[in-house]
Amino acid sequence: MASAQGSATSSDSDPRYVNIDERKRKRMLSNRESARRSRMRKQKQLEDLVEEVSALQKGNKQISEKIGVTTQRYVEMQSSNNVLRAQAMELTERLRSLNSVLHIVEEVGGYDIDIPEIPDPLLKPWQLPCPIQPVMASVDMFEC
């Protein structure tokens, strides 16, 4: 034990060992400071990621709401289209019936009646049987 104490006292007084101890102490302080900065960087990265997650969740919620509104509008339009198709078929059938009456009147009465051919709008929807009328739309129709 005496030799251990002797070497400790000699290292305290020896400038080489004092210099080494000082370098160790400075290195330890530098490492602690570096670790502290690293922890702070990681904490900042975590906070940034949490903010990003929050913003993305908010954006997803808004998109989901818009999809819901758009889906509802689509279902409503599809329903309206089905009603309009049924009405078009009913009106076409009525027109055919009236044309058949006109054919009978033409044959029986001897009248010369110009009876136009009835196009089937459901078979060729791109060939409209009536003149194209402008469709008025407002900006409010497309806002959510």
Foldseek 3Di string as FASTA:
>chain_A
DVVVVVVVVVLVVDPVNVVVVVVVVVVVVVVVVVVVVVVVVVVVVVVVVVVVVVVVVVVVVVVVVVVVVVVVVVVVVVVVVVVVLVVVVVVLVVLVVVVVVVVVCCVPVVDDDDRDDRDDCVVPVVDDPDDDDDDDDDPVVPDD
